[in-house]
Amino acid sequence: MTQFLKEDGSGLSQGQRQLISIARAAVSNPPVMILDEATSSIDTRMEALVQDGVDKLMKGQTVFVIAHRLSTVQNSDVMVLDHGRIIERGSHDRLIAERGTYYQLYTGAFELE
């Protein structure tokens, strides 16, 4: 079945809309880009491709990534927030080695209060 793209974007999945939004933002060459759950509606394989592309396009620029899917931030400098306060900061590897809140979230050892 053939689907046509309409001006209002109807007929596109939420993941397809997210991909178009990311592409439009990246090619505008912004000095800072904020991605808030930008890959939440795409599968993890496509997410890895998007991350690679954003990394290449935004090299030397600032990108804030807000994500619950921890695989999204593995190649980033990470800040863990608790009630708006930064409680941990560092690379994925460093925070895993410290075995703090990020480690607990990443390994699923975090208990919700």
PDB file of N, CA and C in Angstrom:
ATOM      1  N   MET A   1       0.839  -1.169   0.000  1.00  0.00           N
ATOM      2  CA  MET A   1       0.000   0.000   0.000  1.00  0.00           C
ATOM      3  C   MET A   1       0.891   1.241   0.000  1.00  0.00           C
ATOM      4  N   THR A   2       0.644   2.177  -0.869  1.00  0.00           N
ATOM      5  CA  THR A   2       1.408   3.401  -0.978  1.00  0.00           C
ATOM      6  C   THR A   2       0.756   4.499  -0.154  1.00  0.00           C
ATOM      7  N   GLN A   3       1.583   5.188   0.659  1.00  0.00           N
ATOM      8  CA  GLN A   3       1.091   6.319   1.431  1.00  0.00           C
ATOM      9  C   GLN A   3       1.735   7.575   0.895  1.00  0.00           C
ATOM     10  N   PHE A   4       0.978   8.630   0.872  1.00  0.00           N
ATOM     11  CA  PHE A   4       1.499   9.894   0.413  1.00  0.00           C
ATOM     12  C   PHE A   4       1.674  10.829   1.595  1.00  0.00           C
ATOM     13  N   LEU A   5       2.731  11.607   1.549  1.00  0.00           N
ATOM     14  CA  LEU A   5       2.998  12.587   2.592  1.00  0.00           C
ATOM     15  C   LEU A   5       2.146  13.817   2.334  1.00  0.00           C
ATOM     16  N   LYS A   6       1.359  14.182   3.318  1.00  0.00           N
ATOM     17  CA  LYS A   6       0.509  15.362   3.192  1.00  0.00           C
ATOM     18  C   LYS A   6       1.170  16.528   3.909  1.00  0.00           C
ATOM     19  N   GLU A   7       0.744  17.722   3.568  1.00  0.00           N
ATOM     20  CA  GLU A   7       1.344  18.937   4.131  1.00  0.00           C
ATOM     21  C   GLU A   7       1.314  18.953   5.656  1.00  0.00           C
ATOM     22  N   ASP A   8       0.257  18.435   6.239  1.00  0.00           N
ATOM     23  CA  ASP A   8       0.142  18.439   7.696  1.00  0.00           C
ATOM     24  C   ASP A   8       0.867  17.269   8.359  1.00  0.00           C
ATOM     25  N   GLY A   9       1.511  16.423   7.571  1.00  0.00           N
ATOM     26  CA  GLY A   9       2.272  15.302   8.110  1.00  0.00           C
ATOM     27  C   GLY A   9       1.429  14.098   8.459  1.00  0.00           C
ATOM     28  N   SER A  10       0.139  14.163   8.150  1.00  0.00           N
ATOM     29  CA  SER A  10      -0.699  13.003   8.458  1.00  0.00           C
ATOM     30  C   SER A  10      -0.224  11.816   7.618  1.00  0.00           C
ATOM     31  N   GLY A  11      -0.346  10.667   8.176  1.00  0.00           N
ATOM     32  CA  GLY A  11       0.138   9.464   7.504  1.00  0.00           C
ATOM     33  C   GLY A  11       1.528   9.057   7.954  1.00  0.00           C
ATOM     34  N   LEU A  12       2.215   9.941   8.697  1.00  0.00           N
ATOM     35  CA  LEU A  12       3.535   9.606   9.226  1.00  0.00           C
ATOM     36  C   LEU A  12       3.401   9.054  10.634  1.00  0.00           C
ATOM     37  N   SER A  13       4.253   8.127  10.981  1.00  0.00           N
ATOM     38  CA  SER A  13       4.276   7.636  12.357  1.00  0.00           C
ATOM     39  C   SER A  13       4.950   8.692  13.244  1.00  0.00           C
ATOM     40  N   GLN A  14       4.796   8.537  14.547  1.00  0.00           N
ATOM     41  CA  GLN A  14       5.451   9.468  15.479  1.00  0.00           C
ATOM     42  C   GLN A  14       6.977   9.383  15.324  1.00  0.00           C
ATOM     43  N   GLY A  15       7.500   8.185  15.105  1.00  0.00           N
ATOM     44  CA  GLY A  15       8.943   8.030  14.894  1.00  0.00           C
ATOM     45  C   GLY A  15       9.423   8.738  13.647  1.00  0.00           C
ATOM     46  N   GLN A  16       8.651   8.650  12.569  1.00  0.00           N
ATOM     47  CA  GLN A  16       9.012   9.350  11.333  1.00  0.00           C
ATOM     48  C   GLN A  16       8.982  10.859  11.542  1.00  0.00           C
ATOM     49  N   ARG A  17       8.010  11.338  12.292  1.00  0.00           N
ATOM     50  CA  ARG A  17       7.944  12.778  12.593  1.00  0.00           C
ATOM     51  C   ARG A  17       9.160  13.217  13.408  1.00  0.00           C
ATOM     52  N   GLN A  18       9.559  12.375  14.373  1.00  0.00           N
ATOM     53  CA  GLN A  18      10.740  12.698  15.168  1.00  0.00           C
ATOM     54  C   GLN A  18      11.985  12.776  14.296  1.00  0.00           C
ATOM     55  N   LEU A  19      12.145  11.824  13.390  1.00  0.00           N
ATOM     56  CA  LEU A  19      13.318  11.820  12.513  1.00  0.00           C
ATOM     57  C   LEU A  19      13.368  13.069  11.641  1.00  0.00           C
ATOM     58  N   ILE A  20      12.241  13.471  11.106  1.00  0.00           N
ATOM     59  CA  ILE A  20      12.191  14.686  10.279  1.00  0.00           C
ATOM     60  C   ILE A  20      12.532  15.909  11.117  1.00  0.00           C
ATOM     61  N   SER A  21      12.008  15.978  12.324  1.00  0.00           N
ATOM     62  CA  SER A  21      12.295  17.127  13.198  1.00  0.00           C
ATOM     63  C   SER A  21      13.777  17.216  13.539  1.00  0.00           C
ATOM     64  N   ILE A  22      14.390  16.079  13.837  1.00  0.00           N
ATOM     65  CA  ILE A  22      15.821  16.064  14.152  1.00  0.00           C
ATOM     66  C   ILE A  22      16.632  16.509  12.936  1.00  0.00           C
ATOM     67  N   ALA A  23      16.287  15.987  11.765  1.00  0.00           N
ATOM     68  CA  ALA A  23      17.012  16.359  10.540  1.00  0.00           C
ATOM     69  C   ALA A  23      16.882  17.850  10.260  1.00  0.00           C
ATOM     70  N   ARG A  24      15.679  18.380  10.390  1.00  0.00           N
ATOM     71  CA  ARG A  24      15.460  19.815  10.143  1.00  0.00           C
ATOM     72  C   ARG A  24      16.273  20.667  11.110  1.00  0.00           C
ATOM     73  N   ALA A  25      16.298  20.265  12.378  1.00  0.00           N
ATOM     74  CA  ALA A  25      17.060  21.022  13.373  1.00  0.00           C
ATOM     75  C   ALA A  25      18.557  20.949  13.095  1.00  0.00           C
ATOM     76  N   ALA A  26      19.039  19.760  12.769  1.00  0.00           N
ATOM     77  CA  ALA A  26      20.479  19.579  12.558  1.00  0.00           C
ATOM     78  C   ALA A  26      20.985  20.342  11.342  1.00  0.00           C
ATOM     79  N   VAL A  27      20.242  20.332  10.248  1.00  0.00           N
ATOM     80  CA  VAL A  27      20.732  21.008   9.044  1.00  0.00           C
ATOM     81  C   VAL A  27      20.636  22.524   9.137  1.00  0.00           C
ATOM     82  N   SER A  28      19.913  23.031  10.137  1.00  0.00           N
ATOM     83  CA  SER A  28      19.862  24.486  10.321  1.00  0.00           C
ATOM     84  C   SER A  28      21.128  25.004  11.000  1.00  0.00           C
ATOM     85  N   ASN A  29      22.005  24.072  11.409  1.00  0.00           N
ATOM     86  CA  ASN A  29      23.313  24.387  11.990  1.00  0.00           C
ATOM     87  C   ASN A  29      23.209  25.304  13.210  1.00  0.00           C
ATOM     88  N   PRO A  30      22.415  24.923  14.210  1.00  0.00           N
ATOM     89  CA  PRO A  30      22.270  25.781  15.389  1.00  0.00           C
ATOM     90  C   PRO A  30      23.513  25.725  16.275  1.00  0.00           C
ATOM     91  N   PRO A  31      23.825  26.785  17.006  1.00  0.00           N
ATOM     92  CA  PRO A  31      24.972  26.752  17.914  1.00  0.00           C
ATOM     93  C   PRO A  31      24.716  25.834  19.114  1.00  0.00           C
ATOM     94  N   VAL A  32      23.438  25.695  19.486  1.00  0.00           N
ATOM     95  CA  VAL A  32      23.030  24.824  20.586  1.00  0.00           C
ATOM     96  C   VAL A  32      21.767  24.093  20.147  1.00  0.00           C
ATOM     97  N   MET A  33      21.703  22.787  20.431  1.00  0.00           N
ATOM     98  CA  MET A  33      20.498  22.037  20.116  1.00  0.00           C
ATOM     99  C   MET A  33      20.070  21.285  21.378  1.00  0.00           C
ATOM    100  N   ILE A  34      18.772  21.322  21.658  1.00  0.00           N
ATOM    101  CA  ILE A  34      18.209  20.606  22.794  1.00  0.00           C
ATOM    102  C   ILE A  34      17.306  19.511  22.249  1.00  0.00           C
ATOM    103  N   LEU A  35      17.637  18.278  22.588  1.00  0.00           N
ATOM    104  CA  LEU A  35      16.854  17.121  22.159  1.00  0.00           C
ATOM    105  C   LEU A  35      16.165  16.549  23.395  1.00  0.00           C
ATOM    106  N   ASP A  36      14.875  16.754  23.509  1.00  0.00           N
ATOM    107  CA  ASP A  36      14.105  16.302  24.663  1.00  0.00           C
ATOM    108  C   ASP A  36      13.305  15.063  24.274  1.00  0.00           C
ATOM    109  N   GLU A  37      13.790  13.905  24.692  1.00  0.00           N
ATOM    110  CA  GLU A  37      13.169  12.624  24.340  1.00  0.00           C
ATOM    111  C   GLU A  37      13.003  12.516  22.818  1.00  0.00           C
ATOM    112  N   ALA A  38      14.003  12.994  22.092  1.00  0.00           N
ATOM    113  CA  ALA A  38      13.916  13.101  20.629  1.00  0.00           C
ATOM    114  C   ALA A  38      13.855  11.768  19.913  1.00  0.00           C
ATOM    115  N   THR A  39      14.317  10.713  20.565  1.00  0.00           N
ATOM    116  CA  THR A  39      14.330   9.410  19.899  1.00  0.00           C
ATOM    117  C   THR A  39      13.426   8.398  20.603  1.00  0.00           C
ATOM    118  N   SER A  40      12.499   8.878  21.399  1.00  0.00           N
ATOM    119  CA  SER A  40      11.655   7.977  22.190  1.00  0.00           C
ATOM    120  C   SER A  40      10.702   7.129  21.352  1.00  0.00           C
ATOM    121  N   SER A  41      10.395   7.562  20.142  1.00  0.00           N
ATOM    122  CA  SER A  41       9.435   6.816  19.311  1.00  0.00           C
ATOM    123  C   SER A  41      10.088   6.041  18.174  1.00  0.00           C
ATOM    124  N   ILE A  42      11.411   5.882  18.242  1.00  0.00           N
ATOM    125  CA  ILE A  42      12.081   5.074  17.228  1.00  0.00           C
ATOM    126  C   ILE A  42      12.779   3.911  17.914  1.00  0.00           C
ATOM    127  N   ASP A  43      13.043   2.851  17.164  1.00  0.00           N
ATOM    128  CA  ASP A  43      13.663   1.679  17.770  1.00  0.00           C
ATOM    129  C   ASP A  43      15.138   1.944  18.061  1.00  0.00           C
ATOM    130  N   THR A  44      15.738   1.095  18.880  1.00  0.00           N
ATOM    131  CA  THR A  44      17.111   1.331  19.330  1.00  0.00           C
ATOM    132  C   THR A  44      18.129   1.261  18.198  1.00  0.00           C
ATOM    133  N   ARG A  45      17.861   0.477  17.175  1.00  0.00           N
ATOM    134  CA  ARG A  45      18.787   0.400  16.038  1.00  0.00           C
ATOM    135  C   ARG A  45      18.793   1.718  15.261  1.00  0.00           C
ATOM    136  N   MET A  46      17.615   2.265  15.003  1.00  0.00           N
ATOM    137  CA  MET A  46      17.527   3.551  14.322  1.00  0.00           C
ATOM    138  C   MET A  46      18.079   4.666  15.207  1.00  0.00           C
ATOM    139  N   GLU A  47      17.864   4.546  16.507  1.00  0.00           N
ATOM    140  CA  GLU A  47      18.392   5.542  17.435  1.00  0.00           C
ATOM    141  C   GLU A  47      19.911   5.626  17.335  1.00  0.00           C
ATOM    142  N   ALA A  48      20.582   4.483  17.233  1.00  0.00           N
ATOM    143  CA  ALA A  48      22.040   4.473  17.114  1.00  0.00           C
ATOM    144  C   ALA A  48      22.487   5.199  15.850  1.00  0.00           C
ATOM    145  N   LEU A  49      21.761   5.022  14.752  1.00  0.00           N
ATOM    146  CA  LEU A  49      22.090   5.726  13.506  1.00  0.00           C
ATOM    147  C   LEU A  49      21.870   7.229  13.653  1.00  0.00           C
ATOM    148  N   VAL A  50      20.786   7.603  14.299  1.00  0.00           N
ATOM    149  CA  VAL A  50      20.498   9.023  14.513  1.00  0.00           C
ATOM    150  C   VAL A  50      21.569   9.652  15.397  1.00  0.00           C
ATOM    151  N   GLN A  51      21.945   8.955  16.471  1.00  0.00           N
ATOM    152  CA  GLN A  51      22.987   9.473  17.364  1.00  0.00           C
ATOM    153  C   GLN A  51      24.294   9.696  16.617  1.00  0.00           C
ATOM    154  N   ASP A  52      24.667   8.748  15.806  1.00  0.00           N
ATOM    155  CA  ASP A  52      25.898   8.867  15.025  1.00  0.00           C
ATOM    156  C   ASP A  52      25.829  10.082  14.107  1.00  0.00           C
ATOM    157  N   GLY A  53      24.693  10.262  13.433  1.00  0.00           N
ATOM    158  CA  GLY A  53      24.521  11.404  12.538  1.00  0.00           C
ATOM    159  C   GLY A  53      24.543  12.725  13.276  1.00  0.00           C
ATOM    160  N   VAL A  54      23.868  12.804  14.404  1.00  0.00           N
ATOM    161  CA  VAL A  54      23.849  14.043  15.196  1.00  0.00           C
ATOM    162  C   VAL A  54      25.252  14.334  15.720  1.00  0.00           C
ATOM    163  N   ASP A  55      25.956  13.303  16.176  1.00  0.00           N
ATOM    164  CA  ASP A  55      27.340  13.493  16.648  1.00  0.00           C
ATOM    165  C   ASP A  55      28.212  14.110  15.563  1.00  0.00           C
ATOM    166  N   LYS A  56      28.072  13.614  14.343  1.00  0.00           N
ATOM    167  CA  LYS A  56      28.880  14.130  13.234  1.00  0.00           C
ATOM    168  C   LYS A  56      28.459  15.538  12.837  1.00  0.00           C
ATOM    169  N   LEU A  57      27.163  15.774  12.747  1.00  0.00           N
ATOM    170  CA  LEU A  57      26.666  17.092  12.338  1.00  0.00           C
ATOM    171  C   LEU A  57      26.936  18.179  13.372  1.00  0.00           C
ATOM    172  N   MET A  58      26.894  17.810  14.636  1.00  0.00           N
ATOM    173  CA  MET A  58      27.006  18.803  15.707  1.00  0.00           C
ATOM    174  C   MET A  58      28.389  18.815  16.358  1.00  0.00           C
ATOM    175  N   LYS A  59      29.370  18.213  15.711  1.00  0.00           N
ATOM    176  CA  LYS A  59      30.729  18.175  16.266  1.00  0.00           C
ATOM    177  C   LYS A  59      31.205  19.600  16.563  1.00  0.00           C
ATOM    178  N   GLY A  60      31.671  19.817  17.778  1.00  0.00           N
ATOM    179  CA  GLY A  60      32.161  21.124  18.180  1.00  0.00           C
ATOM    180  C   GLY A  60      31.061  22.072  18.634  1.00  0.00           C
ATOM    181  N   GLN A  61      29.823  21.607  18.641  1.00  0.00           N
ATOM    182  CA  GLN A  61      28.709  22.430  19.093  1.00  0.00           C
ATOM    183  C   GLN A  61      28.095  21.796  20.333  1.00  0.00           C
ATOM    184  N   THR A  62      27.212  22.508  20.967  1.00  0.00           N
ATOM    185  CA  THR A  62      26.606  22.037  22.207  1.00  0.00           C
ATOM    186  C   THR A  62      25.256  21.391  21.929  1.00  0.00           C
ATOM    187  N   VAL A  63      25.085  20.174  22.433  1.00  0.00           N
ATOM    188  CA  VAL A  63      23.820  19.459  22.307  1.00  0.00           C
ATOM    189  C   VAL A  63      23.425  18.966  23.700  1.00  0.00           C
ATOM    190  N   PHE A  64      22.243  19.375  24.142  1.00  0.00           N
ATOM    191  CA  PHE A  64      21.679  18.864  25.381  1.00  0.00           C
ATOM    192  C   PHE A  64      20.719  17.744  25.010  1.00  0.00           C
ATOM    193  N   VAL A  65      20.912  16.584  25.620  1.00  0.00           N
ATOM    194  CA  VAL A  65      20.045  15.440  25.352  1.00  0.00           C
ATOM    195  C   VAL A  65      19.335  15.081  26.655  1.00  0.00           C
ATOM    196  N   ILE A  66      18.028  15.172  26.623  1.00  0.00           N
ATOM    197  CA  ILE A  66      17.212  14.790  27.767  1.00  0.00           C
ATOM    198  C   ILE A  66      16.584  13.457  27.398  1.00  0.00           C
ATOM    199  N   ALA A  67      16.871  12.429  28.199  1.00  0.00           N
ATOM    200  CA  ALA A  67      16.413  11.096  27.812  1.00  0.00           C
ATOM    201  C   ALA A  67      16.209  10.203  29.020  1.00  0.00           C
ATOM    202  N   HIS A  68      15.239   9.325  28.897  1.00  0.00           N
ATOM    203  CA  HIS A  68      15.051   8.281  29.884  1.00  0.00           C
ATOM    204  C   HIS A  68      15.713   6.986  29.420  1.00  0.00           C
ATOM    205  N   ARG A  69      15.851   6.823  28.122  1.00  0.00           N
ATOM    206  CA  ARG A  69      16.510   5.647  27.562  1.00  0.00           C
ATOM    207  C   ARG A  69      18.013   5.885  27.692  1.00  0.00           C
ATOM    208  N   LEU A  70      18.651   5.175  28.602  1.00  0.00           N
ATOM    209  CA  LEU A  70      20.042   5.454  28.927  1.00  0.00           C
ATOM    210  C   LEU A  70      21.006   5.176  27.775  1.00  0.00           C
ATOM    211  N   SER A  71      20.625   4.334  26.834  1.00  0.00           N
ATOM    212  CA  SER A  71      21.492   4.102  25.676  1.00  0.00           C
ATOM    213  C   SER A  71      21.663   5.386  24.869  1.00  0.00           C
ATOM    214  N   THR A  72      20.736   6.311  25.022  1.00  0.00           N
ATOM    215  CA  THR A  72      20.790   7.584  24.305  1.00  0.00           C
ATOM    216  C   THR A  72      21.977   8.430  24.749  1.00  0.00           C
ATOM    217  N   VAL A  73      22.397   8.295  25.991  1.00  0.00           N
ATOM    218  CA  VAL A  73      23.424   9.188  26.528  1.00  0.00           C
ATOM    219  C   VAL A  73      24.777   8.521  26.750  1.00  0.00           C
ATOM    220  N   GLN A  74      24.953   7.282  26.334  1.00  0.00           N
ATOM    221  CA  GLN A  74      26.197   6.559  26.604  1.00  0.00           C
ATOM    222  C   GLN A  74      27.441   7.249  26.054  1.00  0.00           C
ATOM    223  N   ASN A  75      27.342   7.949  24.947  1.00  0.00           N
ATOM    224  CA  ASN A  75      28.515   8.587  24.341  1.00  0.00           C
ATOM    225  C   ASN A  75      28.599  10.070  24.682  1.00  0.00           C
ATOM    226  N   SER A  76      27.936  10.479  25.739  1.00  0.00           N
ATOM    227  CA  SER A  76      27.848  11.892  26.096  1.00  0.00           C
ATOM    228  C   SER A  76      28.475  12.150  27.454  1.00  0.00           C
ATOM    229  N   ASP A  77      28.708  13.426  27.739  1.00  0.00           N
ATOM    230  CA  ASP A  77      28.992  13.826  29.105  1.00  0.00           C
ATOM    231  C   ASP A  77      27.633  13.839  29.794  1.00  0.00           C
ATOM    232  N   VAL A  78      27.520  13.135  30.902  1.00  0.00           N
ATOM    233  CA  VAL A  78      26.229  12.888  31.539  1.00  0.00           C
ATOM    234  C   VAL A  78      26.090  13.726  32.806  1.00  0.00           C
ATOM    235  N   MET A  79      24.896  14.268  32.999  1.00  0.00           N
ATOM    236  CA  MET A  79      24.534  14.904  34.260  1.00  0.00           C
ATOM    237  C   MET A  79      23.278  14.210  34.762  1.00  0.00           C
ATOM    238  N   VAL A  80      23.318  13.765  35.990  1.00  0.00           N
ATOM    239  CA  VAL A  80      22.157  13.139  36.618  1.00  0.00           C
ATOM    240  C   VAL A  80      21.527  14.171  37.534  1.00  0.00           C
ATOM    241  N   LEU A  81      20.232  14.419  37.330  1.00  0.00           N
ATOM    242  CA  LEU A  81      19.513  15.409  38.121  1.00  0.00           C
ATOM    243  C   LEU A  81      18.590  14.732  39.109  1.00  0.00           C
ATOM    244  N   ASP A  82      18.477  15.324  40.269  1.00  0.00           N
ATOM    245  CA  ASP A  82      17.500  14.886  41.267  1.00  0.00           C
ATOM    246  C   ASP A  82      16.797  16.126  41.775  1.00  0.00           C
ATOM    247  N   HIS A  83      15.521  16.240  41.465  1.00  0.00           N
ATOM    248  CA  HIS A  83      14.727  17.412  41.829  1.00  0.00           C
ATOM    249  C   HIS A  83      15.397  18.709  41.361  1.00  0.00           C
ATOM    250  N   GLY A  84      15.931  18.693  40.143  1.00  0.00           N
ATOM    251  CA  GLY A  84      16.528  19.874  39.541  1.00  0.00           C
ATOM    252  C   GLY A  84      17.958  20.167  39.961  1.00  0.00           C
ATOM    253  N   ARG A  85      18.536  19.335  40.795  1.00  0.00           N
ATOM    254  CA  ARG A  85      19.904  19.538  41.278  1.00  0.00           C
ATOM    255  C   ARG A  85      20.813  18.486  40.659  1.00  0.00           C
ATOM    256  N   ILE A  86      21.977  18.911  40.158  1.00  0.00           N
ATOM    257  CA  ILE A  86      22.939  17.973  39.582  1.00  0.00           C
ATOM    258  C   ILE A  86      23.581  17.186  40.724  1.00  0.00           C
ATOM    259  N   ILE A  87      23.403  15.854  40.678  1.00  0.00           N
ATOM    260  CA  ILE A  87      23.980  15.020  41.741  1.00  0.00           C
ATOM    261  C   ILE A  87      25.172  14.199  41.256  1.00  0.00           C
ATOM    262  N   GLU A  88      25.272  14.005  39.942  1.00  0.00           N
ATOM    263  CA  GLU A  88      26.425  13.299  39.363  1.00  0.00           C
ATOM    264  C   GLU A  88      26.707  13.892  38.000  1.00  0.00           C
ATOM    265  N   ARG A  89      27.991  13.861  37.637  1.00  0.00           N
ATOM    266  CA  ARG A  89      28.389  14.400  36.337  1.00  0.00           C
ATOM    267  C   ARG A  89      29.651  13.698  35.879  1.00  0.00           C
ATOM    268  N   GLY A  90      29.680  13.301  34.596  1.00  0.00           N
ATOM    269  CA  GLY A  90      30.867  12.655  34.055  1.00  0.00           C
ATOM    270  C   GLY A  90      30.529  11.812  32.845  1.00  0.00           C
ATOM    271  N   SER A  91      31.507  11.061  32.384  1.00  0.00           N
ATOM    272  CA  SER A  91      31.285  10.161  31.249  1.00  0.00           C
ATOM    273  C   SER A  91      30.514   8.932  31.721  1.00  0.00           C
ATOM    274  N   HIS A  92      29.929   8.232  30.771  1.00  0.00           N
ATOM    275  CA  HIS A  92      29.213   6.990  31.073  1.00  0.00           C
ATOM    276  C   HIS A  92      30.129   6.038  31.841  1.00  0.00           C
ATOM    277  N   ASP A  93      31.340   5.817  31.332  1.00  0.00           N
ATOM    278  CA  ASP A  93      32.263   4.864  31.958  1.00  0.00           C
ATOM    279  C   ASP A  93      32.617   5.273  33.383  1.00  0.00           C
ATOM    280  N   ARG A  94      32.877   6.567  33.579  1.00  0.00           N
ATOM    281  CA  ARG A  94      33.239   7.044  34.919  1.00  0.00           C
ATOM    282  C   ARG A  94      32.076   6.869  35.896  1.00  0.00           C
ATOM    283  N   LEU A  95      30.872   7.227  35.453  1.00  0.00           N
ATOM    284  CA  LEU A  95      29.720   7.114  36.347  1.00  0.00           C
ATOM    285  C   LEU A  95      29.375   5.657  36.654  1.00  0.00           C
ATOM    286  N   ILE A  96      29.594   4.768  35.702  1.00  0.00           N
ATOM    287  CA  ILE A  96      29.399   3.341  35.963  1.00  0.00           C
ATOM    288  C   ILE A  96      30.407   2.873  37.011  1.00  0.00           C
ATOM    289  N   ALA A  97      31.657   3.299  36.861  1.00  0.00           N
ATOM    290  CA  ALA A  97      32.703   2.894  37.801  1.00  0.00           C
ATOM    291  C   ALA A  97      32.435   3.416  39.211  1.00  0.00           C
ATOM    292  N   GLU A  98      31.815   4.582  39.327  1.00  0.00           N
ATOM    293  CA  GLU A  98      31.522   5.167  40.640  1.00  0.00           C
ATOM    294  C   GLU A  98      30.369   4.462  41.354  1.00  0.00           C
ATOM    295  N   ARG A  99      29.555   3.720  40.597  1.00  0.00           N
ATOM    296  CA  ARG A  99      28.468   2.914  41.149  1.00  0.00           C
ATOM    297  C   ARG A  99      27.478   3.729  41.983  1.00  0.00           C
ATOM    298  N   GLY A 100      27.175   4.933  41.516  1.00  0.00           N
ATOM    299  CA  GLY A 100      26.213   5.796  42.203  1.00  0.00           C
ATOM    300  C   GLY A 100      24.829   5.689  41.595  1.00  0.00           C
ATOM    301  N   THR A 101      24.118   6.795  41.572  1.00  0.00           N
ATOM    302  CA  THR A 101      22.750   6.831  41.061  1.00  0.00           C
ATOM    303  C   THR A 101      22.681   6.452  39.590  1.00  0.00           C
ATOM    304  N   TYR A 102      23.595   6.973  38.759  1.00  0.00           N
ATOM    305  CA  TYR A 102      23.595   6.625  37.331  1.00  0.00           C
ATOM    306  C   TYR A 102      23.775   5.127  37.155  1.00  0.00           C
ATOM    307  N   TYR A 103      24.707   4.557  37.883  1.00  0.00           N
ATOM    308  CA  TYR A 103      24.935   3.104  37.822  1.00  0.00           C
ATOM    309  C   TYR A 103      23.661   2.357  38.200  1.00  0.00           C
ATOM    310  N   GLN A 104      23.017   2.801  39.254  1.00  0.00           N
ATOM    311  CA  GLN A 104      21.782   2.142  39.696  1.00  0.00           C
ATOM    312  C   GLN A 104      20.693   2.249  38.631  1.00  0.00           C
ATOM    313  N   LEU A 105      20.565   3.419  38.018  1.00  0.00           N
ATOM    314  CA  LEU A 105      19.582   3.587  36.949  1.00  0.00           C
ATOM    315  C   LEU A 105      19.934   2.713  35.759  1.00  0.00           C
ATOM    316  N   TYR A 106      21.198   2.702  35.386  1.00  0.00           N
ATOM    317  CA  TYR A 106      21.648   1.968  34.202  1.00  0.00           C
ATOM    318  C   TYR A 106      21.473   0.465  34.365  1.00  0.00           C
ATOM    319  N   THR A 107      21.771  -0.031  35.550  1.00  0.00           N
ATOM    320  CA  THR A 107      21.703  -1.480  35.773  1.00  0.00           C
ATOM    321  C   THR A 107      20.323  -1.938  36.230  1.00  0.00           C
ATOM    322  N   GLY A 108      19.431  -0.998  36.460  1.00  0.00           N
ATOM    323  CA  GLY A 108      18.097  -1.362  36.919  1.00  0.00           C
ATOM    324  C   GLY A 108      18.050  -1.635  38.408  1.00  0.00           C
ATOM    325  N   ALA A 109      19.117  -1.274  39.128  1.00  0.00           N
ATOM    326  CA  ALA A 109      19.176  -1.518  40.560  1.00  0.00           C
ATOM    327  C   ALA A 109      18.506  -0.405  41.362  1.00  0.00           C
ATOM    328  N   PHE A 110      18.029   0.622  40.659  1.00  0.00           N
ATOM    329  CA  PHE A 110      17.432   1.772  41.342  1.00  0.00           C
ATOM    330  C   PHE A 110      16.034   1.412  41.836  1.00  0.00           C
ATOM    331  N   GLU A 111      15.774   1.660  43.087  1.00  0.00           N
ATOM    332  CA  GLU A 111      14.453   1.389  43.653  1.00  0.00           C
ATOM    333  C   GLU A 111      13.678   2.695  43.727  1.00  0.00           C
ATOM    334  N   LEU A 112      12.497   2.685  43.149  1.00  0.00           N
ATOM    335  CA  LEU A 112      11.643   3.869  43.194  1.00  0.00           C
ATOM    336  C   LEU A 112      11.093   4.040  44.592  1.00  0.00           C
ATOM    337  N   GLU A 113      11.074   5.301  45.013  1.00  0.00           N
ATOM    338  CA  GLU A 113      10.555   5.581  46.361  1.00  0.00           C
ATOM    339  C   GLU A 113       9.070   5.815  46.305  1.00  0.00           C
TER     340      GLU A 113
END
